[in-house]
Protein backbone atom coordinates (compact mmCIF):
# COMPACT_ATOMS: atom_id res chain seq x y z
CA MET A 1 -56.94 220.58 53.81
CA LYS A 2 -57.47 223.41 51.34
CA ILE A 3 -60.58 225.60 51.63
CA THR A 4 -62.13 227.74 48.88
CA LYS A 5 -65.13 230.06 49.07
CA LYS A 6 -67.40 231.12 46.22
CA TYR A 7 -70.39 233.46 46.08
CA GLY A 8 -73.36 233.50 43.73
CA ASN A 9 -74.17 236.31 41.31
CA THR A 10 -77.66 237.09 42.60
CA ILE A 11 -78.70 239.10 45.65
CA TYR A 12 -82.22 238.13 46.68
CA GLY A 13 -85.04 240.27 48.05
CA ASP A 14 -84.25 239.27 51.63
CA ASN A 15 -80.72 240.69 51.11
CA THR A 16 -78.99 237.30 50.98
CA ILE A 17 -76.50 235.79 48.56
CA SER A 18 -75.47 232.16 48.18
CA GLU A 19 -72.11 231.13 49.60
CA THR A 20 -70.42 227.81 48.90
CA VAL A 21 -67.39 226.73 50.90
CA THR A 22 -65.47 223.80 49.44
CA TYR A 23 -63.16 221.66 51.58
CA HIS A 24 -60.54 219.75 49.58
CA PHE A 25 -59.05 216.57 51.07
CA ASP A 26 -56.00 214.44 50.26
CA LYS A 27 -57.20 211.33 52.10
CA MET A 28 -60.59 209.63 52.14
CA LYS A 29 -60.18 209.03 55.87
CA ASP A 30 -59.93 212.78 56.52
CA LEU A 31 -62.98 213.46 54.34
CA HIS A 32 -64.95 210.80 56.20
CA GLU A 33 -64.00 212.16 59.64
CA PHE A 34 -64.88 215.74 58.60
CA TRP A 35 -68.22 214.55 57.19
CA GLN A 36 -69.07 212.61 60.35
CA ASP A 37 -68.07 215.51 62.63
CA ASN A 38 -70.42 217.84 60.76
CA LEU A 39 -73.28 215.34 60.88
CA ASP A 40 -72.79 214.91 64.61
CA ALA A 41 -72.68 218.69 65.14
CA GLY A 42 -75.96 219.21 63.26
CA ASN A 43 -74.57 222.15 61.28
CA VAL A 44 -77.09 224.07 59.15
CA GLY A 45 -76.99 224.56 55.41
CA ASN A 46 -76.66 222.10 52.58
CA TRP A 47 -73.72 219.67 52.86
CA THR A 48 -72.61 217.60 49.86
CA ALA A 49 -69.70 215.15 49.64
CA HIS A 50 -68.15 214.53 46.20
CA LEU A 51 -66.14 211.35 46.64
CA ASP A 52 -64.70 211.41 43.11
CA ARG A 53 -63.26 214.90 43.70
CA MET A 54 -62.44 214.33 47.38
CA THR A 55 -64.35 217.47 48.37
CA ILE A 56 -67.15 218.46 50.70
CA GLU A 57 -69.25 221.52 49.84
CA HIS A 58 -71.26 223.57 52.30
CA SER A 59 -73.85 225.88 50.74
CA GLN A 60 -75.96 228.42 52.55
CA PHE A 61 -77.43 231.88 52.14
CA VAL A 62 -75.56 234.67 53.91
CA ASP A 63 -76.07 238.39 54.43
CA ALA A 64 -75.28 240.17 51.16
CA GLU A 65 -74.31 243.40 52.93
CA GLN A 66 -71.23 241.80 54.49
CA TYR A 67 -70.27 240.26 51.15
CA LEU A 68 -70.61 243.62 49.38
CA ASN A 69 -68.53 245.40 52.04
CA ASP A 70 -65.77 242.80 51.84
CA PHE A 71 -65.80 242.83 48.03
CA THR A 72 -65.68 246.64 47.90
CA GLU A 73 -62.71 246.74 50.28
CA PHE A 74 -60.92 244.11 48.20
CA CYS A 75 -61.48 246.05 44.97
CA GLU A 76 -60.36 249.33 46.52
CA GLY A 77 -57.18 247.63 47.78
CA GLU A 78 -56.33 246.50 44.25
CA GLU A 79 -56.51 250.07 42.89
CA GLU A 80 -53.81 251.36 45.23
C-alpha cells in the first residue's frame, strides 16, 4: 500500500489546517479489509472510499503549528 499526505492552503482561526491522507491499494480485497478495520475502530475524521481509483481518503483538521514547523524544516533543508 502506498500512502500520500496533502495539506490545504488555509489556516483557520482555531489554528487548524486540513490534512488528507490517501491510501492507495492494488487489490479490492485489501481496500475492503482496511475500510472495515477503520469502521470497526471508530476512527474520527471523514473517511471516503473511491472504488474506481482504489483509494481511501481520510480527511481531518490538524494543528497548523506542527504543519508549519515541519514545512519550515523541510524548506530549510533544501537550501543547504
